[in-house]
């Protein structure tokens, strides 16, 4: 069992930066691929970034490439999402998720956090 708790969301202006954190419980964090998803009411949930268990492989949605960076610290059981040059269309609830592999994560994550709201004003 893995429990995920997100933090770092908030209200920012367009062009600002924000870093989300996701703290995971359990001793098996380092064996999971981790990802950040976002969802806007009425739209499907979108994976914006994912990282493999040991960190060398990453995935980014085209909409955030060059602006968002996912990273992880296995010693701290934490995964991060650094978001730069934020746009109003980045406004969403951001969720942290865990899966056995990046591909498995993208198809159907095993664990989800409760989400954190990010609002970008124009």
N, C-alpha and C. Protein backbone atom coordinates (compact mmCIF):
# COMPACT_ATOMS: atom_id res chain seq x y z
N UNK A 1 0.85 -1.20 0.00
CA UNK A 1 0.00 0.00 0.00
C UNK A 1 0.88 1.24 0.00
N UNK A 2 0.54 2.19 -0.84
CA UNK A 2 1.27 3.45 -0.93
C UNK A 2 0.27 4.58 -0.75
N UNK A 3 0.56 5.49 0.14
CA UNK A 3 -0.27 6.68 0.32
C UNK A 3 0.49 7.88 -0.21
N UNK A 4 -0.22 8.73 -0.94
CA UNK A 4 0.40 9.88 -1.59
C UNK A 4 -0.28 11.16 -1.13
N UNK A 5 0.53 12.15 -0.77
CA UNK A 5 0.00 13.42 -0.30
C UNK A 5 0.68 14.55 -1.07
N UNK A 6 -0.12 15.28 -1.83
CA UNK A 6 0.41 16.40 -2.62
C UNK A 6 0.40 17.69 -1.81
N UNK A 7 1.29 18.59 -2.18
CA UNK A 7 1.33 19.93 -1.60
C UNK A 7 1.97 20.88 -2.60
N UNK A 8 1.80 22.17 -2.34
CA UNK A 8 2.46 23.16 -3.18
C UNK A 8 1.57 23.89 -4.16
N UNK A 9 0.31 23.50 -4.24
CA UNK A 9 -0.59 24.19 -5.15
C UNK A 9 -0.92 25.59 -4.65
N UNK A 10 -1.56 26.38 -5.50
CA UNK A 10 -1.93 27.72 -5.09
C UNK A 10 -2.36 28.56 -6.26
N UNK A 11 -2.50 29.86 -5.99
CA UNK A 11 -2.89 30.84 -6.99
C UNK A 11 -1.68 31.66 -7.40
N UNK A 12 -1.38 31.65 -8.69
CA UNK A 12 -0.24 32.41 -9.21
C UNK A 12 -0.67 33.15 -10.47
N UNK A 13 0.19 34.04 -10.93
CA UNK A 13 -0.08 34.78 -12.15
C UNK A 13 0.60 34.11 -13.34
N UNK A 14 0.10 34.38 -14.51
CA UNK A 14 0.71 33.84 -15.73
C UNK A 14 2.18 34.24 -15.78
N UNK A 15 3.03 33.28 -16.13
CA UNK A 15 4.46 33.50 -16.20
C UNK A 15 5.20 33.12 -14.93
N UNK A 16 4.48 32.94 -13.86
CA UNK A 16 5.10 32.54 -12.59
C UNK A 16 5.49 31.07 -12.59
N UNK A 17 6.19 30.69 -11.53
CA UNK A 17 6.59 29.30 -11.33
C UNK A 17 5.98 28.75 -10.06
N UNK A 18 5.86 27.44 -10.01
CA UNK A 18 5.32 26.77 -8.84
C UNK A 18 5.93 25.38 -8.79
N UNK A 19 6.20 24.88 -7.59
CA UNK A 19 6.71 23.52 -7.47
C UNK A 19 5.75 22.71 -6.61
N UNK A 20 5.27 21.63 -7.18
CA UNK A 20 4.43 20.70 -6.45
C UNK A 20 5.29 19.59 -5.87
N UNK A 21 4.89 19.12 -4.70
CA UNK A 21 5.57 17.99 -4.06
C UNK A 21 4.55 16.90 -3.77
N UNK A 22 5.01 15.67 -3.80
CA UNK A 22 4.16 14.54 -3.45
C UNK A 22 4.97 13.63 -2.54
N UNK A 23 4.54 13.55 -1.30
CA UNK A 23 5.21 12.70 -0.33
C UNK A 23 4.52 11.35 -0.28
N UNK A 24 5.31 10.30 -0.37
CA UNK A 24 4.76 8.94 -0.38
C UNK A 24 5.13 8.19 0.90
N UNK A 25 4.20 7.41 1.37
CA UNK A 25 4.48 6.56 2.52
C UNK A 25 4.90 5.18 2.02
N UNK A 26 5.48 4.40 2.90
CA UNK A 26 5.84 3.04 2.53
C UNK A 26 7.29 2.91 2.11
N UNK A 27 7.78 1.69 2.23
CA UNK A 27 9.18 1.44 1.94
C UNK A 27 9.43 1.08 0.49
N UNK A 28 8.36 1.01 -0.32
CA UNK A 28 8.52 0.56 -1.69
C UNK A 28 8.46 1.69 -2.70
N UNK A 29 8.57 2.93 -2.23
CA UNK A 29 8.45 4.09 -3.13
C UNK A 29 9.41 3.97 -4.29
N UNK A 30 10.64 3.57 -4.03
CA UNK A 30 11.67 3.55 -5.07
C UNK A 30 11.39 2.51 -6.15
N UNK A 31 10.45 1.60 -5.91
CA UNK A 31 10.15 0.59 -6.91
C UNK A 31 9.00 1.01 -7.83
N UNK A 32 8.41 2.16 -7.58
CA UNK A 32 7.28 2.64 -8.37
C UNK A 32 7.68 3.74 -9.33
N UNK A 33 7.11 3.70 -10.52
CA UNK A 33 7.12 4.87 -11.39
C UNK A 33 6.12 5.86 -10.83
N UNK A 34 6.42 7.14 -10.98
CA UNK A 34 5.56 8.18 -10.42
C UNK A 34 5.13 9.14 -11.52
N UNK A 35 3.97 9.72 -11.33
CA UNK A 35 3.49 10.64 -12.35
C UNK A 35 2.64 11.76 -11.76
N UNK A 36 2.51 12.81 -12.53
CA UNK A 36 1.62 13.92 -12.20
C UNK A 36 0.55 14.01 -13.29
N UNK A 37 -0.68 14.04 -12.85
CA UNK A 37 -1.82 14.18 -13.74
C UNK A 37 -2.56 15.46 -13.38
N UNK A 38 -3.35 15.95 -14.30
CA UNK A 38 -4.19 17.11 -13.97
C UNK A 38 -5.57 16.92 -14.60
N UNK A 39 -6.54 17.54 -13.98
CA UNK A 39 -7.91 17.43 -14.47
C UNK A 39 -8.67 18.72 -14.27
N UNK A 40 -9.38 19.09 -15.31
CA UNK A 40 -10.27 20.24 -15.29
C UNK A 40 -11.69 19.69 -15.37
N UNK A 41 -12.62 20.26 -14.62
CA UNK A 41 -14.01 19.76 -14.67
C UNK A 41 -14.53 19.68 -16.10
N UNK A 42 -15.09 18.51 -16.43
CA UNK A 42 -15.65 18.32 -17.75
C UNK A 42 -14.66 17.80 -18.77
N UNK A 43 -13.41 17.65 -18.37
CA UNK A 43 -12.39 17.15 -19.30
C UNK A 43 -11.74 15.90 -18.72
N UNK A 44 -11.13 15.11 -19.60
CA UNK A 44 -10.45 13.91 -19.16
C UNK A 44 -9.17 14.25 -18.40
N UNK A 45 -8.82 13.38 -17.48
CA UNK A 45 -7.57 13.58 -16.75
C UNK A 45 -6.39 13.36 -17.70
N UNK A 46 -5.39 14.21 -17.57
CA UNK A 46 -4.23 14.22 -18.46
C UNK A 46 -2.95 14.00 -17.66
N UNK A 47 -2.09 13.12 -18.15
CA UNK A 47 -0.79 12.96 -17.53
C UNK A 47 0.14 14.04 -18.07
N UNK A 48 0.67 14.87 -17.20
CA UNK A 48 1.57 15.92 -17.65
C UNK A 48 3.02 15.50 -17.55
N UNK A 49 3.34 14.56 -16.67
CA UNK A 49 4.71 14.11 -16.55
C UNK A 49 4.79 12.81 -15.77
N UNK A 50 5.76 11.99 -16.11
CA UNK A 50 5.97 10.73 -15.41
C UNK A 50 7.46 10.44 -15.38
N UNK A 51 7.87 9.67 -14.37
CA UNK A 51 9.27 9.35 -14.20
C UNK A 51 9.40 7.91 -13.74
N UNK A 52 10.37 7.22 -14.28
CA UNK A 52 10.56 5.82 -13.93
C UNK A 52 11.06 5.67 -12.49
N UNK A 53 11.07 4.45 -12.00
CA UNK A 53 11.38 4.21 -10.59
C UNK A 53 12.77 4.71 -10.19
N UNK A 54 13.75 4.53 -11.08
CA UNK A 54 15.11 4.98 -10.75
C UNK A 54 15.41 6.36 -11.31
N UNK A 55 14.50 6.90 -12.08
CA UNK A 55 14.63 8.28 -12.50
C UNK A 55 15.19 8.59 -13.87
N UNK A 56 15.80 7.65 -14.59
CA UNK A 56 16.41 8.09 -15.83
C UNK A 56 15.43 8.36 -16.96
N UNK A 57 14.26 7.74 -16.90
CA UNK A 57 13.29 7.89 -17.98
C UNK A 57 12.16 8.79 -17.56
N UNK A 58 11.83 9.75 -18.43
CA UNK A 58 10.73 10.65 -18.14
C UNK A 58 9.81 10.76 -19.34
N UNK A 59 8.59 11.17 -19.07
CA UNK A 59 7.59 11.42 -20.10
C UNK A 59 6.94 12.76 -19.80
N UNK A 60 6.67 13.53 -20.86
CA UNK A 60 5.97 14.80 -20.70
C UNK A 60 4.89 14.93 -21.77
N UNK A 61 3.79 15.51 -21.37
CA UNK A 61 2.77 15.87 -22.35
C UNK A 61 3.30 17.00 -23.23
N UNK A 62 2.90 17.01 -24.47
CA UNK A 62 3.38 18.06 -25.38
C UNK A 62 3.04 19.46 -24.87
N UNK A 63 1.93 19.56 -24.18
CA UNK A 63 1.48 20.87 -23.72
C UNK A 63 2.38 21.48 -22.64
N UNK A 64 3.23 20.67 -22.02
CA UNK A 64 4.07 21.18 -20.94
C UNK A 64 5.55 21.01 -21.19
N UNK A 65 5.93 20.38 -22.30
CA UNK A 65 7.35 20.16 -22.60
C UNK A 65 8.10 21.47 -22.64
N UNK A 66 9.25 21.49 -21.98
CA UNK A 66 10.06 22.70 -21.93
C UNK A 66 9.68 23.64 -20.80
N UNK A 67 8.53 23.40 -20.17
CA UNK A 67 8.09 24.27 -19.07
C UNK A 67 8.03 23.51 -17.74
N UNK A 68 7.66 22.25 -17.78
CA UNK A 68 7.53 21.45 -16.56
C UNK A 68 8.67 20.44 -16.47
N UNK A 69 9.11 20.17 -15.25
CA UNK A 69 10.14 19.16 -15.02
C UNK A 69 9.73 18.28 -13.85
N UNK A 70 9.72 16.98 -14.08
CA UNK A 70 9.43 16.04 -13.01
C UNK A 70 10.74 15.46 -12.50
N UNK A 71 10.82 15.29 -11.18
CA UNK A 71 12.01 14.71 -10.58
C UNK A 71 11.58 13.95 -9.32
N UNK A 72 12.50 13.16 -8.82
CA UNK A 72 12.18 12.39 -7.62
C UNK A 72 13.41 12.28 -6.73
N UNK A 73 13.16 12.15 -5.44
CA UNK A 73 14.20 11.92 -4.46
C UNK A 73 13.79 10.67 -3.69
N UNK A 74 14.36 9.55 -4.06
CA UNK A 74 13.96 8.29 -3.43
C UNK A 74 14.35 8.22 -1.96
N UNK A 75 15.37 8.96 -1.56
CA UNK A 75 15.76 8.98 -0.15
C UNK A 75 14.70 9.69 0.70
N UNK A 76 13.97 10.62 0.07
CA UNK A 76 12.94 11.37 0.78
C UNK A 76 11.53 10.88 0.45
N UNK A 77 11.43 9.83 -0.38
CA UNK A 77 10.11 9.33 -0.80
C UNK A 77 9.24 10.45 -1.36
N UNK A 78 9.83 11.27 -2.20
CA UNK A 78 9.12 12.44 -2.71
C UNK A 78 9.34 12.60 -4.21
N UNK A 79 8.28 12.98 -4.88
CA UNK A 79 8.37 13.32 -6.30
C UNK A 79 7.92 14.77 -6.45
N UNK A 80 8.56 15.48 -7.38
CA UNK A 80 8.31 16.90 -7.57
C UNK A 80 7.85 17.19 -8.99
N UNK A 81 7.15 18.29 -9.12
CA UNK A 81 6.82 18.81 -10.44
C UNK A 81 7.12 20.31 -10.42
N UNK A 82 8.21 20.68 -11.09
CA UNK A 82 8.56 22.09 -11.21
C UNK A 82 7.85 22.65 -12.42
N UNK A 83 7.04 23.66 -12.21
CA UNK A 83 6.24 24.24 -13.29
C UNK A 83 6.68 25.69 -13.50
N UNK A 84 7.21 25.96 -14.67
CA UNK A 84 7.66 27.31 -15.02
C UNK A 84 6.79 27.88 -16.13
N UNK A 85 6.86 29.18 -16.30
CA UNK A 85 6.12 29.86 -17.36
C UNK A 85 4.65 29.41 -17.40
N UNK A 86 4.04 29.45 -16.24
CA UNK A 86 2.67 28.95 -16.14
C UNK A 86 1.70 29.78 -16.97
N UNK A 87 0.71 29.09 -17.51
CA UNK A 87 -0.31 29.72 -18.34
C UNK A 87 -1.69 29.50 -17.71
N UNK A 88 -2.65 30.35 -18.02
CA UNK A 88 -4.00 30.14 -17.48
C UNK A 88 -4.56 28.75 -17.80
N UNK A 89 -4.18 28.19 -18.94
CA UNK A 89 -4.68 26.87 -19.30
C UNK A 89 -4.05 25.74 -18.48
N UNK A 90 -3.08 26.07 -17.65
CA UNK A 90 -2.52 25.08 -16.72
C UNK A 90 -3.38 24.94 -15.47
N UNK A 91 -4.37 25.79 -15.34
CA UNK A 91 -5.26 25.72 -14.18
C UNK A 91 -5.97 24.39 -14.14
N UNK A 92 -5.85 23.69 -13.01
CA UNK A 92 -6.44 22.36 -12.87
C UNK A 92 -6.17 21.85 -11.45
N UNK A 93 -6.78 20.73 -11.15
CA UNK A 93 -6.39 19.98 -9.95
C UNK A 93 -5.29 19.02 -10.38
N UNK A 94 -4.19 19.05 -9.67
CA UNK A 94 -3.04 18.22 -10.00
C UNK A 94 -2.97 17.05 -9.02
N UNK A 95 -2.84 15.86 -9.59
CA UNK A 95 -2.81 14.63 -8.80
C UNK A 95 -1.46 13.92 -8.98
N UNK A 96 -0.99 13.37 -7.91
CA UNK A 96 0.18 12.50 -7.93
C UNK A 96 -0.30 11.06 -8.03
N UNK A 97 0.44 10.24 -8.76
CA UNK A 97 0.04 8.84 -8.93
C UNK A 97 1.26 7.94 -8.98
N UNK A 98 1.04 6.67 -8.65
CA UNK A 98 2.12 5.68 -8.66
C UNK A 98 1.69 4.45 -9.45
N UNK A 99 2.65 3.88 -10.17
CA UNK A 99 2.39 2.66 -10.92
C UNK A 99 3.66 1.84 -11.02
N UNK A 100 3.52 0.59 -11.43
CA UNK A 100 4.69 -0.29 -11.46
C UNK A 100 5.71 0.14 -12.51
N UNK A 101 5.22 0.64 -13.63
CA UNK A 101 6.08 1.16 -14.69
C UNK A 101 5.43 2.43 -15.23
N UNK A 102 6.17 3.18 -16.03
CA UNK A 102 5.60 4.39 -16.62
C UNK A 102 4.42 4.02 -17.53
N UNK A 103 4.59 2.96 -18.30
CA UNK A 103 3.50 2.55 -19.19
C UNK A 103 2.27 2.14 -18.39
N UNK A 104 2.48 1.36 -17.33
CA UNK A 104 1.36 0.95 -16.48
C UNK A 104 0.71 2.18 -15.83
N UNK A 105 1.51 3.14 -15.45
CA UNK A 105 1.01 4.36 -14.82
C UNK A 105 0.11 5.12 -15.79
N UNK A 106 0.55 5.22 -17.03
CA UNK A 106 -0.23 5.95 -18.02
C UNK A 106 -1.55 5.25 -18.33
N UNK A 107 -1.54 3.92 -18.25
CA UNK A 107 -2.76 3.16 -18.55
C UNK A 107 -3.73 3.15 -17.37
N UNK A 108 -3.19 2.87 -16.19
CA UNK A 108 -4.06 2.74 -15.02
C UNK A 108 -3.20 2.74 -13.77
N UNK A 109 -3.07 3.90 -13.13
CA UNK A 109 -2.23 4.01 -11.95
C UNK A 109 -2.77 3.14 -10.80
N UNK A 110 -1.83 2.68 -9.99
CA UNK A 110 -2.21 1.85 -8.85
C UNK A 110 -2.68 2.69 -7.66
N UNK A 111 -2.05 3.85 -7.48
CA UNK A 111 -2.36 4.69 -6.32
C UNK A 111 -2.47 6.15 -6.76
N UNK A 112 -3.35 6.87 -6.04
CA UNK A 112 -3.58 8.29 -6.33
C UNK A 112 -3.55 9.11 -5.05
N UNK A 113 -3.08 10.34 -5.19
CA UNK A 113 -3.20 11.29 -4.11
C UNK A 113 -4.55 11.98 -4.16
N UNK A 114 -4.76 12.91 -3.24
CA UNK A 114 -6.06 13.57 -3.14
C UNK A 114 -6.15 14.80 -4.03
N UNK A 115 -5.04 15.25 -4.55
CA UNK A 115 -5.03 16.37 -5.47
C UNK A 115 -4.74 17.70 -4.80
N UNK A 116 -4.18 18.62 -5.58
CA UNK A 116 -3.92 19.97 -5.11
C UNK A 116 -4.29 20.95 -6.24
N UNK A 117 -4.96 22.02 -5.88
CA UNK A 117 -5.45 22.96 -6.88
C UNK A 117 -4.35 23.93 -7.30
N UNK A 118 -4.21 24.09 -8.61
CA UNK A 118 -3.33 25.10 -9.17
C UNK A 118 -4.19 26.03 -10.02
N UNK A 119 -4.13 27.31 -9.71
CA UNK A 119 -4.89 28.31 -10.45
C UNK A 119 -3.94 29.37 -10.98
N UNK A 120 -3.98 29.59 -12.29
CA UNK A 120 -3.10 30.57 -12.92
C UNK A 120 -3.98 31.68 -13.49
N UNK A 121 -3.79 32.87 -12.98
CA UNK A 121 -4.59 34.00 -13.45
C UNK A 121 -3.86 34.72 -14.58
N UNK A 122 -4.63 35.31 -15.46
CA UNK A 122 -4.04 36.01 -16.62
C UNK A 122 -3.76 37.46 -16.31
